[in-house]
Amino acid sequence: MFLFGARDVWFVVGVPLFFYAQGWTFATVGAFMAVWVMGYGVVQGATPNLLATRTCVVRRSVRALRVLGGDAGDDPVGPVSNRAVASG
């Protein structure tokens, strides 16, 4: 929780003050921060598509381990479909 708060304080207070100290105007700092936030959102939105190939590789690796009898542990990319459920 504190790490998120520290990041936000740095972004809202520290970065603009640093840019002001470098001689940037209020409008320039505001424009930079706006473009940064929008670009960050684009990256966050595109990340699942960029990692889709890697996720497929992980899913195939987990499936191969199960077929070979290895215990892959908790499947981070999907539900467990072929593991027996112990009834007590």
C-alpha atoms as a PDB file:
ATOM      1  CA  MET A   1       0.000   0.000   0.000  1.00  0.00           C
ATOM      2  CA  PHE A   2       2.760   2.442   0.910  1.00  0.00           C
ATOM      3  CA  LEU A   3       4.655   1.725  -2.317  1.00  0.00           C
ATOM      4  CA  PHE A   4       1.669   2.822  -4.388  1.00  0.00           C
ATOM      5  CA  GLY A   5       1.287   5.959  -2.295  1.00  0.00           C
ATOM      6  CA  ALA A   6       4.989   6.748  -2.597  1.00  0.00           C
ATOM      7  CA  ARG A   7       4.802   6.353  -6.367  1.00  0.00           C
ATOM      8  CA  ASP A   8       1.826   8.678  -6.578  1.00  0.00           C
ATOM      9  CA  VAL A   9       3.444  11.334  -4.378  1.00  0.00           C
ATOM     10  CA  TRP A  10       6.591  11.176  -6.492  1.00  0.00           C
ATOM     11  CA  PHE A  11       4.587  11.522  -9.696  1.00  0.00           C
ATOM     12  CA  VAL A  12       2.261  14.285  -8.461  1.00  0.00           C
ATOM     13  CA  VAL A  13       4.763  16.340  -6.451  1.00  0.00           C
ATOM     14  CA  GLY A  14       8.361  15.324  -7.149  1.00  0.00           C
ATOM     15  CA  VAL A  15       8.380  15.156 -10.935  1.00  0.00           C
ATOM     16  CA  PRO A  16       6.649  18.517 -11.526  1.00  0.00           C
ATOM     17  CA  LEU A  17       8.900  20.236  -8.976  1.00  0.00           C
ATOM     18  CA  PHE A  18      11.947  18.768 -10.686  1.00  0.00           C
ATOM     19  CA  PHE A  19      10.773  20.058 -14.074  1.00  0.00           C
ATOM     20  CA  TYR A  20      10.010  23.509 -12.605  1.00  0.00           C
ATOM     21  CA  ALA A  21      13.539  23.582 -11.189  1.00  0.00           C
ATOM     22  CA  GLN A  22      14.844  22.850 -14.698  1.00  0.00           C
ATOM     23  CA  GLY A  23      13.033  25.939 -15.986  1.00  0.00           C
ATOM     24  CA  TRP A  24       9.961  24.349 -17.550  1.00  0.00           C
ATOM     25  CA  THR A  25       6.753  26.401 -17.581  1.00  0.00           C
ATOM     26  CA  PHE A  26       3.504  25.301 -15.954  1.00  0.00           C
ATOM     27  CA  ALA A  27       1.946  24.563 -19.358  1.00  0.00           C
ATOM     28  CA  THR A  28       4.961  22.515 -20.506  1.00  0.00           C
ATOM     29  CA  VAL A  29       4.973  20.433 -17.319  1.00  0.00           C
ATOM     30  CA  GLY A  30       1.210  19.888 -17.592  1.00  0.00           C
ATOM     31  CA  ALA A  31       1.446  18.877 -21.253  1.00  0.00           C
ATOM     32  CA  PHE A  32       4.298  16.477 -20.552  1.00  0.00           C
ATOM     33  CA  MET A  33       2.430  14.876 -17.648  1.00  0.00           C
ATOM     34  CA  ALA A  34      -0.747  14.531 -19.749  1.00  0.00           C
ATOM     35  CA  VAL A  35       1.129  12.889 -22.638  1.00  0.00           C
ATOM     36  CA  TRP A  36       2.947  10.605 -20.167  1.00  0.00           C
ATOM     37  CA  VAL A  37      -0.325   9.429 -18.575  1.00  0.00           C
ATOM     38  CA  MET A  38      -1.946   8.805 -21.971  1.00  0.00           C
ATOM     39  CA  GLY A  39       1.115   6.944 -23.255  1.00  0.00           C
ATOM     40  CA  TYR A  40       1.224   4.851 -20.089  1.00  0.00           C
ATOM     41  CA  GLY A  41      -2.424   3.935 -20.636  1.00  0.00           C
ATOM     42  CA  VAL A  42      -1.717   2.898 -24.227  1.00  0.00           C
ATOM     43  CA  VAL A  43       1.132   0.654 -23.051  1.00  0.00           C
ATOM     44  CA  GLN A  44      -1.080  -0.907 -20.365  1.00  0.00           C
ATOM     45  CA  GLY A  45      -3.826  -1.510 -22.911  1.00  0.00           C
ATOM     46  CA  ALA A  46      -1.462  -3.074 -25.464  1.00  0.00           C
ATOM     47  CA  THR A  47       0.428  -5.302 -23.019  1.00  0.00           C
ATOM     48  CA  PRO A  48      -2.001  -8.280 -23.100  1.00  0.00           C
ATOM     49  CA  ASN A  49      -1.726  -8.439 -26.894  1.00  0.00           C
ATOM     50  CA  LEU A  50       2.056  -8.129 -26.773  1.00  0.00           C
ATOM     51  CA  LEU A  51       2.310 -10.954 -24.248  1.00  0.00           C
ATOM     52  CA  ALA A  52      -0.269 -13.246 -25.863  1.00  0.00           C
ATOM     53  CA  THR A  53       2.412 -15.260 -27.636  1.00  0.00           C
ATOM     54  CA  ARG A  54       4.353 -15.755 -24.421  1.00  0.00           C
ATOM     55  CA  THR A  55       1.205 -16.792 -22.525  1.00  0.00           C
ATOM     56  CA  CYS A  56       0.512 -19.413 -25.163  1.00  0.00           C
ATOM     57  CA  VAL A  57       4.033 -20.791 -24.688  1.00  0.00           C
ATOM     58  CA  VAL A  58       3.554 -20.925 -20.909  1.00  0.00           C
ATOM     59  CA  ARG A  59       0.205 -22.676 -21.299  1.00  0.00           C
ATOM     60  CA  ARG A  60       1.747 -25.312 -23.602  1.00  0.00           C
ATOM     61  CA  SER A  61       4.628 -25.839 -21.170  1.00  0.00           C
ATOM     62  CA  VAL A  62       2.248 -26.390 -18.245  1.00  0.00           C
ATOM     63  CA  ARG A  63       0.189 -28.809 -20.314  1.00  0.00           C
ATOM     64  CA  ALA A  64       3.330 -30.738 -21.322  1.00  0.00           C
ATOM     65  CA  LEU A  65       4.438 -31.038 -17.703  1.00  0.00           C
ATOM     66  CA  ARG A  66       1.058 -32.467 -16.741  1.00  0.00           C
ATOM     67  CA  VAL A  67       1.149 -34.988 -19.589  1.00  0.00           C
ATOM     68  CA  LEU A  68       4.617 -36.122 -18.505  1.00  0.00           C
ATOM     69  CA  GLY A  69       3.413 -36.549 -14.934  1.00  0.00           C
ATOM     70  CA  GLY A  70       5.098 -33.503 -13.449  1.00  0.00           C
ATOM     71  CA  ASP A  71       3.297 -31.275 -10.999  1.00  0.00           C
ATOM     72  CA  ALA A  72       3.132 -27.796 -12.484  1.00  0.00           C
ATOM     73  CA  GLY A  73       1.660 -26.364  -9.302  1.00  0.00           C
ATOM     74  CA  ASP A  74      -1.030 -23.722  -9.602  1.00  0.00           C
ATOM     75  CA  ASP A  75      -1.660 -22.809 -13.206  1.00  0.00           C
ATOM     76  CA  PRO A  76      -1.120 -19.031 -13.496  1.00  0.00           C
ATOM     77  CA  VAL A  77      -2.727 -18.778 -16.923  1.00  0.00           C
ATOM     78  CA  GLY A  78      -5.937 -20.740 -16.644  1.00  0.00           C
ATOM     79  CA  PRO A  79      -8.093 -23.156 -14.708  1.00  0.00           C
ATOM     80  CA  VAL A  80      -6.896 -26.607 -13.791  1.00  0.00           C
ATOM     81  CA  SER A  81      -8.827 -29.046 -15.927  1.00  0.00           C
ATOM     82  CA  ASN A  82      -7.231 -32.462 -15.549  1.00  0.00           C
ATOM     83  CA  ARG A  83      -6.298 -32.585 -11.880  1.00  0.00           C
ATOM     84  CA  ALA A  84      -8.247 -35.053  -9.743  1.00  0.00           C
ATOM     85  CA  VAL A  85     -10.228 -33.556  -6.913  1.00  0.00           C
ATOM     86  CA  ALA A  86      -9.748 -35.437  -3.636  1.00  0.00           C
ATOM     87  CA  SER A  87     -12.955 -36.199  -1.850  1.00  0.00           C
ATOM     88  CA  GLY A  88     -12.672 -36.674   1.863  1.00  0.00           C
END
